[in-house]
Amino acid sequence: MIEALYESNCPDLKLIARGKVRDLYEIDDSSLLFV
């Protein structure tokens, strides 16, 4: 069974924003992570 992810939890990454669907983290000066 697939487990739902309502909200990501990555405390060692810099969370920038949570949108309606995506969580956005800054990885370094040139890249971001869209979840």
PDB file of all heavy atoms in Angstrom:
ATOM      1  N   MET A   1       0.845  -1.202   0.000  1.00  0.00           N
ATOM      2  CA  MET A   1       0.000   0.000   0.000  1.00  0.00           C
ATOM      3  C   MET A   1       0.881   1.254   0.000  1.00  0.00           C
ATOM      4  O   MET A   1       1.886   1.315   0.712  1.00  0.00           O
ATOM      5  CB  MET A   1      -0.924   0.001   1.223  1.00  0.00           C
ATOM      6  CG  MET A   1      -1.881   1.176   1.267  1.00  0.00           C
ATOM      7  SD  MET A   1      -3.169   0.937   2.493  1.00  0.00           S
ATOM      8  CE  MET A   1      -3.980   2.526   2.397  1.00  0.00           C
ATOM      9  N   ILE A   2       0.512   2.244  -0.816  1.00  0.00           N
ATOM     10  CA  ILE A   2       1.267   3.481  -0.897  1.00  0.00           C
ATOM     11  C   ILE A   2       0.971   4.338   0.338  1.00  0.00           C
ATOM     12  O   ILE A   2      -0.181   4.525   0.720  1.00  0.00           O
ATOM     13  CB  ILE A   2       0.881   4.266  -2.166  1.00  0.00           C
ATOM     14  CG1 ILE A   2       1.003   3.383  -3.399  1.00  0.00           C
ATOM     15  CG2 ILE A   2       1.741   5.508  -2.313  1.00  0.00           C
ATOM     16  CD1 ILE A   2       0.344   3.960  -4.624  1.00  0.00           C
ATOM     17  N   GLU A   3       2.038   4.862   0.947  1.00  0.00           N
ATOM     18  CA  GLU A   3       1.860   5.727   2.110  1.00  0.00           C
ATOM     19  C   GLU A   3       1.813   7.178   1.654  1.00  0.00           C
ATOM     20  O   GLU A   3       2.675   7.630   0.887  1.00  0.00           O
ATOM     21  CB  GLU A   3       3.009   5.519   3.105  1.00  0.00           C
ATOM     22  CG  GLU A   3       2.814   6.266   4.411  1.00  0.00           C
ATOM     23  CD  GLU A   3       3.875   5.922   5.448  1.00  0.00           C
ATOM     24  OE1 GLU A   3       4.524   4.876   5.301  1.00  0.00           O
ATOM     25  OE2 GLU A   3       4.046   6.713   6.392  1.00  0.00           O
ATOM     26  N   ALA A   4       0.826   7.910   2.107  1.00  0.00           N
ATOM     27  CA  ALA A   4       0.668   9.300   1.684  1.00  0.00           C
ATOM     28  C   ALA A   4       1.694  10.199   2.368  1.00  0.00           C
ATOM     29  O   ALA A   4       2.049  10.000   3.530  1.00  0.00           O
ATOM     30  CB  ALA A   4      -0.739   9.786   1.997  1.00  0.00           C
ATOM     31  N   LEU A   5       2.177  11.189   1.636  1.00  0.00           N
ATOM     32  CA  LEU A   5       3.050  12.218   2.195  1.00  0.00           C
ATOM     33  C   LEU A   5       2.298  13.546   2.130  1.00  0.00           C
ATOM     34  O   LEU A   5       2.207  14.163   1.074  1.00  0.00           O
ATOM     35  CB  LEU A   5       4.364  12.313   1.412  1.00  0.00           C
ATOM     36  CG  LEU A   5       5.367  13.329   1.964  1.00  0.00           C
ATOM     37  CD1 LEU A   5       6.004  12.794   3.249  1.00  0.00           C
ATOM     38  CD2 LEU A   5       6.441  13.658   0.937  1.00  0.00           C
ATOM     39  N   TYR A   6       1.756  13.960   3.256  1.00  0.00           N
ATOM     40  CA  TYR A   6       1.024  15.225   3.291  1.00  0.00           C
ATOM     41  C   TYR A   6       1.980  16.399   3.366  1.00  0.00           C
ATOM     42  O   TYR A   6       1.727  17.463   2.784  1.00  0.00           O
ATOM     43  CB  TYR A   6       0.063  15.257   4.491  1.00  0.00           C
ATOM     44  CG  TYR A   6      -0.881  16.444   4.458  1.00  0.00           C
ATOM     45  CD1 TYR A   6      -2.056  16.398   3.708  1.00  0.00           C
ATOM     46  CD2 TYR A   6      -0.591  17.627   5.146  1.00  0.00           C
ATOM     47  CE1 TYR A   6      -2.918  17.490   3.655  1.00  0.00           C
ATOM     48  CE2 TYR A   6      -1.436  18.713   5.098  1.00  0.00           C
ATOM     49  CZ  TYR A   6      -2.606  18.648   4.347  1.00  0.00           C
ATOM     50  OH  TYR A   6      -3.447  19.732   4.291  1.00  0.00           O
ATOM     51  N   GLU A   7       3.100  16.192   4.067  1.00  0.00           N
ATOM     52  CA  GLU A   7       4.071  17.257   4.255  1.00  0.00           C
ATOM     53  C   GLU A   7       5.439  16.631   4.423  1.00  0.00           C
ATOM     54  O   GLU A   7       5.607  15.690   5.201  1.00  0.00           O
ATOM     55  CB  GLU A   7       3.691  18.075   5.500  1.00  0.00           C
ATOM     56  CG  GLU A   7       4.490  19.319   5.729  1.00  0.00           C
ATOM     57  CD  GLU A   7       3.957  20.116   6.907  1.00  0.00           C
ATOM     58  OE1 GLU A   7       2.974  20.864   6.722  1.00  0.00           O
ATOM     59  OE2 GLU A   7       4.502  19.979   8.019  1.00  0.00           O
ATOM     60  N   SER A   8       6.413  17.117   3.683  1.00  0.00           N
ATOM     61  CA  SER A   8       7.769  16.588   3.830  1.00  0.00           C
ATOM     62  C   SER A   8       8.390  17.107   5.129  1.00  0.00           C
ATOM     63  O   SER A   8       8.031  18.178   5.620  1.00  0.00           O
ATOM     64  CB  SER A   8       8.627  16.979   2.631  1.00  0.00           C
ATOM     65  OG  SER A   8       8.766  18.387   2.550  1.00  0.00           O
ATOM     66  N   ASN A   9       9.327  16.331   5.642  1.00  0.00           N
ATOM     67  CA  ASN A   9      10.006  16.721   6.875  1.00  0.00           C
ATOM     68  C   ASN A   9      11.490  16.426   6.706  1.00  0.00           C
ATOM     69  O   ASN A   9      11.938  15.300   6.928  1.00  0.00           O
ATOM     70  CB  ASN A   9       9.427  15.955   8.065  1.00  0.00           C
ATOM     71  CG  ASN A   9      10.124  16.320   9.374  1.00  0.00           C
ATOM     72  OD1 ASN A   9      10.659  17.421   9.501  1.00  0.00           O
ATOM     73  ND2 ASN A   9      10.143  15.406  10.323  1.00  0.00           N
ATOM     74  N   CYS A  10      12.249  17.442   6.298  1.00  0.00           N
ATOM     75  CA  CYS A  10      13.681  17.297   6.024  1.00  0.00           C
ATOM     76  C   CYS A  10      14.424  18.363   6.823  1.00  0.00           C
ATOM     77  O   CYS A  10      14.835  19.395   6.271  1.00  0.00           O
ATOM     78  CB  CYS A  10      13.956  17.453   4.535  1.00  0.00           C
ATOM     79  SG  CYS A  10      12.979  16.359   3.483  1.00  0.00           S
ATOM     80  N   PRO A  11      14.599  18.148   8.137  1.00  0.00           N
ATOM     81  CA  PRO A  11      15.093  19.211   9.021  1.00  0.00           C
ATOM     82  C   PRO A  11      16.493  19.729   8.696  1.00  0.00           C
ATOM     83  O   PRO A  11      16.821  20.866   9.047  1.00  0.00           O
ATOM     84  CB  PRO A  11      15.054  18.559  10.413  1.00  0.00           C
ATOM     85  CG  PRO A  11      14.953  17.099  10.168  1.00  0.00           C
ATOM     86  CD  PRO A  11      14.242  16.934   8.885  1.00  0.00           C
ATOM     87  N   ASP A  12      17.304  18.915   8.017  1.00  0.00           N
ATOM     88  CA  ASP A  12      18.653  19.373   7.680  1.00  0.00           C
ATOM     89  C   ASP A  12      18.708  20.133   6.361  1.00  0.00           C
ATOM     90  O   ASP A  12      19.776  20.595   5.942  1.00  0.00           O
ATOM     91  CB  ASP A  12      19.631  18.202   7.638  1.00  0.00           C
ATOM     92  CG  ASP A  12      19.875  17.624   9.027  1.00  0.00           C
ATOM     93  OD1 ASP A  12      19.661  18.361  10.012  1.00  0.00           O
ATOM     94  OD2 ASP A  12      20.253  16.444   9.136  1.00  0.00           O
ATOM     95  N   LEU A  13      17.568  20.248   5.682  1.00  0.00           N
ATOM     96  CA  LEU A  13      17.490  21.053   4.474  1.00  0.00           C
ATOM     97  C   LEU A  13      16.783  22.370   4.799  1.00  0.00           C
ATOM     98  O   LEU A  13      15.954  22.433   5.717  1.00  0.00           O
ATOM     99  CB  LEU A  13      16.708  20.318   3.374  1.00  0.00           C
ATOM    100  CG  LEU A  13      17.285  18.982   2.893  1.00  0.00           C
ATOM    101  CD1 LEU A  13      16.389  18.387   1.813  1.00  0.00           C
ATOM    102  CD2 LEU A  13      18.707  19.152   2.381  1.00  0.00           C
ATOM    103  N   LYS A  14      17.105  23.410   4.043  1.00  0.00           N
ATOM    104  CA  LYS A  14      16.528  24.732   4.309  1.00  0.00           C
ATOM    105  C   LYS A  14      15.186  24.868   3.610  1.00  0.00           C
ATOM    106  O   LYS A  14      15.121  25.019   2.388  1.00  0.00           O
ATOM    107  CB  LYS A  14      17.494  25.821   3.830  1.00  0.00           C
ATOM    108  CG  LYS A  14      16.985  27.238   4.108  1.00  0.00           C
ATOM    109  CD  LYS A  14      17.974  28.280   3.600  1.00  0.00           C
ATOM    110  CE  LYS A  14      17.437  29.698   3.818  1.00  0.00           C
ATOM    111  NZ  LYS A  14      18.387  30.712   3.288  1.00  0.00           N
ATOM    112  N   LEU A  15      14.106  24.799   4.380  1.00  0.00           N
ATOM    113  CA  LEU A  15      12.759  24.947   3.832  1.00  0.00           C
ATOM    114  C   LEU A  15      12.507  26.415   3.496  1.00  0.00           C
ATOM    115  O   LEU A  15      12.642  27.291   4.347  1.00  0.00           O
ATOM    116  CB  LEU A  15      11.717  24.447   4.834  1.00  0.00           C
ATOM    117  CG  LEU A  15      10.259  24.572   4.407  1.00  0.00           C
ATOM    118  CD1 LEU A  15       9.949  23.629   3.236  1.00  0.00           C
ATOM    119  CD2 LEU A  15       9.326  24.255   5.586  1.00  0.00           C
ATOM    120  N   ILE A  16      12.135  26.661   2.243  1.00  0.00           N
ATOM    121  CA  ILE A  16      11.836  28.022   1.813  1.00  0.00           C
ATOM    122  C   ILE A  16      10.343  28.298   1.854  1.00  0.00           C
ATOM    123  O   ILE A  16       9.896  29.366   2.287  1.00  0.00           O
ATOM    124  CB  ILE A  16      12.360  28.268   0.380  1.00  0.00           C
ATOM    125  CG1 ILE A  16      13.872  28.170   0.348  1.00  0.00           C
ATOM    126  CG2 ILE A  16      11.901  29.617  -0.141  1.00  0.00           C
ATOM    127  CD1 ILE A  16      14.445  28.320  -1.035  1.00  0.00           C
ATOM    128  N   ALA A  17       9.551  27.332   1.388  1.00  0.00           N
ATOM    129  CA  ALA A  17       8.103  27.568   1.303  1.00  0.00           C
ATOM    130  C   ALA A  17       7.370  26.238   1.176  1.00  0.00           C
ATOM    131  O   ALA A  17       7.927  25.235   0.734  1.00  0.00           O
ATOM    132  CB  ALA A  17       7.781  28.448   0.103  1.00  0.00           C
ATOM    133  N   ARG A  18       6.119  26.268   1.575  1.00  0.00           N
ATOM    134  CA  ARG A  18       5.188  25.171   1.287  1.00  0.00           C
ATOM    135  C   ARG A  18       4.054  25.761   0.460  1.00  0.00           C
ATOM    136  O   ARG A  18       3.359  26.673   0.918  1.00  0.00           O
ATOM    137  CB  ARG A  18       4.639  24.540   2.562  1.00  0.00           C
ATOM    138  CG  ARG A  18       5.682  23.867   3.431  1.00  0.00           C
ATOM    139  CD  ARG A  18       5.037  22.984   4.494  1.00  0.00           C
ATOM    140  NE  ARG A  18       5.976  22.622   5.548  1.00  0.00           N
ATOM    141  CZ  ARG A  18       6.818  21.588   5.492  1.00  0.00           C
ATOM    142  NH1 ARG A  18       6.850  20.834   4.403  1.00  0.00           N
ATOM    143  NH2 ARG A  18       7.614  21.312   6.499  1.00  0.00           N
ATOM    144  N   GLY A  19       3.894  25.270  -0.745  1.00  0.00           N
ATOM    145  CA  GLY A  19       2.814  25.732  -1.596  1.00  0.00           C
ATOM    146  C   GLY A  19       1.580  24.864  -1.422  1.00  0.00           C
ATOM    147  O   GLY A  19       1.464  24.113  -0.451  1.00  0.00           O
ATOM    148  N   LYS A  20       0.662  24.966  -2.366  1.00  0.00           N
ATOM    149  CA  LYS A  20      -0.561  24.173  -2.269  1.00  0.00           C
ATOM    150  C   LYS A  20      -0.247  22.678  -2.379  1.00  0.00           C
ATOM    151  O   LYS A  20      -0.894  21.861  -1.741  1.00  0.00           O
ATOM    152  CB  LYS A  20      -1.559  24.609  -3.349  1.00  0.00           C
ATOM    153  CG  LYS A  20      -2.155  25.992  -3.097  1.00  0.00           C
ATOM    154  CD  LYS A  20      -3.306  26.299  -4.011  1.00  0.00           C
ATOM    155  CE  LYS A  20      -2.885  26.746  -5.376  1.00  0.00           C
ATOM    156  NZ  LYS A  20      -2.347  28.120  -5.412  1.00  0.00           N
ATOM    157  N   VAL A  21       0.756  22.338  -3.184  1.00  0.00           N
ATOM    158  CA  VAL A  21       1.126  20.933  -3.374  1.00  0.00           C
ATOM    159  C   VAL A  21       2.610  20.696  -3.071  1.00  0.00           C
ATOM    160  O   VAL A  21       2.969  19.688  -2.476  1.00  0.00           O
ATOM    161  CB  VAL A  21       0.813  20.475  -4.813  1.00  0.00           C
ATOM    162  CG1 VAL A  21       1.353  19.070  -5.084  1.00  0.00           C
ATOM    163  CG2 VAL A  21      -0.695  20.511  -5.067  1.00  0.00           C
ATOM    164  N   ARG A  22       3.468  21.642  -3.449  1.00  0.00           N
ATOM    165  CA  ARG A  22       4.908  21.414  -3.367  1.00  0.00           C
ATOM    166  C   ARG A  22       5.560  22.068  -2.162  1.00  0.00           C
ATOM    167  O   ARG A  22       5.196  23.181  -1.783  1.00  0.00           O
ATOM    168  CB  ARG A  22       5.584  21.915  -4.657  1.00  0.00           C
ATOM    169  CG  ARG A  22       5.362  20.951  -5.788  1.00  0.00           C
ATOM    170  CD  ARG A  22       5.681  21.546  -7.162  1.00  0.00           C
ATOM    171  NE  ARG A  22       5.335  20.557  -8.182  1.00  0.00           N
ATOM    172  CZ  ARG A  22       4.094  20.313  -8.584  1.00  0.00           C
ATOM    173  NH1 ARG A  22       3.098  21.004  -8.067  1.00  0.00           N
ATOM    174  NH2 ARG A  22       3.841  19.374  -9.471  1.00  0.00           N
ATOM    175  N   ASP A  23       6.541  21.352  -1.603  1.00  0.00           N
ATOM    176  CA  ASP A  23       7.431  21.913  -0.590  1.00  0.00           C
ATOM    177  C   ASP A  23       8.734  22.268  -1.297  1.00  0.00           C
ATOM    178  O   ASP A  23       9.234  21.496  -2.124  1.00  0.00           O
ATOM    179  CB  ASP A  23       7.693  20.910   0.527  1.00  0.00           C
ATOM    180  CG  ASP A  23       6.441  20.589   1.330  1.00  0.00           C
ATOM    181  OD1 ASP A  23       5.452  21.341   1.227  1.00  0.00           O
ATOM    182  OD2 ASP A  23       6.450  19.571   2.055  1.00  0.00           O
ATOM    183  N   LEU A  24       9.292  23.411  -0.962  1.00  0.00           N
ATOM    184  CA  LEU A  24      10.454  23.929  -1.676  1.00  0.00           C
ATOM    185  C   LEU A  24      11.616  24.135  -0.702  1.00  0.00           C
ATOM    186  O   LEU A  24      11.468  24.809   0.316  1.00  0.00           O
ATOM    187  CB  LEU A  24      10.083  25.261  -2.344  1.00  0.00           C
ATOM    188  CG  LEU A  24      11.141  25.957  -3.178  1.00  0.00           C
ATOM    189  CD1 LEU A  24      11.572  25.068  -4.348  1.00  0.00           C
ATOM    190  CD2 LEU A  24      10.598  27.281  -3.703  1.00  0.00           C
ATOM    191  N   TYR A  25      12.761  23.533  -1.042  1.00  0.00           N
ATOM    192  CA  TYR A  25      13.958  23.638  -0.219  1.00  0.00           C
ATOM    193  C   TYR A  25      15.098  24.256  -1.024  1.00  0.00           C
ATOM    194  O   TYR A  25      15.226  24.005  -2.229  1.00  0.00           O
ATOM    195  CB  TYR A  25      14.409  22.256   0.261  1.00  0.00           C
ATOM    196  CG  TYR A  25      13.444  21.561   1.189  1.00  0.00           C
ATOM    197  CD1 TYR A  25      12.427  20.755   0.678  1.00  0.00           C
ATOM    198  CD2 TYR A  25      13.554  21.694   2.574  1.00  0.00           C
ATOM    199  CE1 TYR A  25      11.538  20.100   1.536  1.00  0.00           C
ATOM    200  CE2 TYR A  25      12.671  21.045   3.426  1.00  0.00           C
ATOM    201  CZ  TYR A  25      11.663  20.250   2.907  1.00  0.00           C
ATOM    202  OH  TYR A  25      10.796  19.603   3.753  1.00  0.00           O
ATOM    203  N   GLU A  26      15.939  25.034  -0.337  1.00  0.00           N
ATOM    204  CA  GLU A  26      17.153  25.538  -0.973  1.00  0.00           C
ATOM    205  C   GLU A  26      18.275  24.543  -0.716  1.00  0.00           C
ATOM    206  O   GLU A  26      18.538  24.169   0.437  1.00  0.00           O
ATOM    207  CB  GLU A  26      17.521  26.903  -0.398  1.00  0.00           C
ATOM    208  CG  GLU A  26      18.744  27.508  -1.061  1.00  0.00           C
ATOM    209  CD  GLU A  26      19.090  28.865  -0.494  1.00  0.00           C
ATOM    210  OE1 GLU A  26      19.424  28.943   0.716  1.00  0.00           O
ATOM    211  OE2 GLU A  26      19.015  29.851  -1.245  1.00  0.00           O
ATOM    212  N   ILE A  27      18.951  24.115  -1.772  1.00  0.00           N
ATOM    213  CA  ILE A  27      20.045  23.157  -1.633  1.00  0.00           C
ATOM    214  C   ILE A  27      21.389  23.873  -1.596  1.00  0.00           C
ATOM    215  O   ILE A  27      22.241  23.573  -0.756  1.00  0.00           O
ATOM    216  CB  ILE A  27      20.013  22.137  -2.786  1.00  0.00           C
ATOM    217  CG1 ILE A  27      18.662  21.405  -2.802  1.00  0.00           C
ATOM    218  CG2 ILE A  27      21.151  21.136  -2.651  1.00  0.00           C
ATOM    219  CD1 ILE A  27      18.278  20.732  -1.498  1.00  0.00           C
ATOM    220  N   ASP A  28      21.598  24.812  -2.496  1.00  0.00           N
ATOM    221  CA  ASP A  28      22.814  25.634  -2.495  1.00  0.00           C
ATOM    222  C   ASP A  28      22.518  26.926  -3.244  1.00  0.00           C
ATOM    223  O   ASP A  28      21.350  27.239  -3.502  1.00  0.00           O
ATOM    224  CB  ASP A  28      24.010  24.872  -3.100  1.00  0.00           C
ATOM    225  CG  ASP A  28      23.731  24.338  -4.492  1.00  0.00           C
ATOM    226  OD1 ASP A  28      23.004  25.012  -5.266  1.00  0.00           O
ATOM    227  OD2 ASP A  28      24.219  23.241  -4.836  1.00  0.00           O
ATOM    228  N   ASP A  29      23.571  27.667  -3.594  1.00  0.00           N
ATOM    229  CA  ASP A  29      23.376  28.972  -4.218  1.00  0.00           C
ATOM    230  C   ASP A  29      22.724  28.897  -5.596  1.00  0.00           C
ATOM    231  O   ASP A  29      22.180  29.892  -6.095  1.00  0.00           O
ATOM    232  CB  ASP A  29      24.718  29.699  -4.353  1.00  0.00           C
ATOM    233  CG  ASP A  29      25.266  30.156  -3.009  1.00  0.00           C
ATOM    234  OD1 ASP A  29      24.474  30.199  -2.050  1.00  0.00           O
ATOM    235  OD2 ASP A  29      26.471  30.453  -2.929  1.00  0.00           O
ATOM    236  N   SER A  30      22.786  27.728  -6.225  1.00  0.00           N
ATOM    237  CA  SER A  30      22.293  27.630  -7.603  1.00  0.00           C
ATOM    238  C   SER A  30      21.157  26.634  -7.797  1.00  0.00           C
ATOM    239  O   SER A  30      20.627  26.520  -8.904  1.00  0.00           O
ATOM    240  CB  SER A  30      23.449  27.258  -8.548  1.00  0.00           C
ATOM    241  OG  SER A  30      23.984  25.995  -8.181  1.00  0.00           O
ATOM    242  N   SER A  31      20.765  25.910  -6.739  1.00  0.00           N
ATOM    243  CA  SER A  31      19.746  24.880  -6.941  1.00  0.00           C
ATOM    244  C   SER A  31      18.739  24.802  -5.802  1.00  0.00           C
ATOM    245  O   SER A  31      19.010  25.169  -4.661  1.00  0.00           O
ATOM    246  CB  SER A  31      20.394  23.504  -7.137  1.00  0.00           C
ATOM    247  OG  SER A  31      21.105  23.116  -5.985  1.00  0.00           O
ATOM    248  N   LEU A  32      17.563  24.316  -6.170  1.00  0.00           N
ATOM    249  CA  LEU A  32      16.448  24.126  -5.250  1.00  0.00           C
ATOM    250  C   LEU A  32      15.946  22.695  -5.372  1.00  0.00           C
ATOM    251  O   LEU A  32      16.207  22.014  -6.368  1.00  0.00           O
ATOM    252  CB  LEU A  32      15.297  25.075  -5.585  1.00  0.00           C
ATOM    253  CG  LEU A  32      15.580  26.570  -5.606  1.00  0.00           C
ATOM    254  CD1 LEU A  32      14.401  27.313  -6.214  1.00  0.00           C
ATOM    255  CD2 LEU A  32      15.864  27.081  -4.200  1.00  0.00           C
ATOM    256  N   LEU A  33      15.195  22.263  -4.368  1.00  0.00           N
ATOM    257  CA  LEU A  33      14.530  20.959  -4.417  1.00  0.00           C
ATOM    258  C   LEU A  33      13.031  21.173  -4.360  1.00  0.00           C
ATOM    259  O   LEU A  33      12.517  21.782  -3.423  1.00  0.00           O
ATOM    260  CB  LEU A  33      14.976  20.079  -3.246  1.00  0.00           C
ATOM    261  CG  LEU A  33      14.464  18.631  -3.286  1.00  0.00           C
ATOM    262  CD1 LEU A  33      15.206  17.829  -4.355  1.00  0.00           C
ATOM    263  CD2 LEU A  33      14.625  17.959  -1.924  1.00  0.00           C
ATOM    264  N   PHE A  34      12.330  20.704  -5.409  1.00  0.00           N
ATOM    265  CA  PHE A  34      10.873  20.718  -5.425  1.00  0.00           C
ATOM    266  C   PHE A  34      10.377  19.346  -4.992  1.00  0.00           C
ATOM    267  O   PHE A  34      10.734  18.344  -5.604  1.00  0.00           O
ATOM    268  CB  PHE A  34      10.351  20.995  -6.852  1.00  0.00           C
ATOM    269  CG  PHE A  34      10.297  22.436  -7.234  1.00  0.00           C
ATOM    270  CD1 PHE A  34      11.351  23.287  -6.979  1.00  0.00           C
ATOM    271  CD2 PHE A  34       9.192  22.955  -7.886  1.00  0.00           C
ATOM    272  CE1 PHE A  34      11.316  24.628  -7.341  1.00  0.00           C
ATOM    273  CE2 PHE A  34       9.145  24.291  -8.258  1.00  0.00           C
ATOM    274  CZ  PHE A  34      10.202  25.124  -7.982  1.00  0.00           C
ATOM    275  N   VAL A  35       9.551  19.307  -3.957  1.00  0.00           N
ATOM    276  CA  VAL A  35       8.981  18.051  -3.474  1.00  0.00           C
ATOM    277  C   VAL A  35       7.480  18.082  -3.702  1.00  0.00           C
ATOM    278  O   VAL A  35       6.767  18.921  -3.129  1.00  0.00           O
ATOM    279  CB  VAL A  35       9.274  17.834  -1.975  1.00  0.00           C
ATOM    280  CG1 VAL A  35       8.695  16.502  -1.505  1.00  0.00           C
ATOM    281  CG2 VAL A  35      10.779  17.898  -1.705  1.00  0.00           C
TER     282      VAL A  35
END
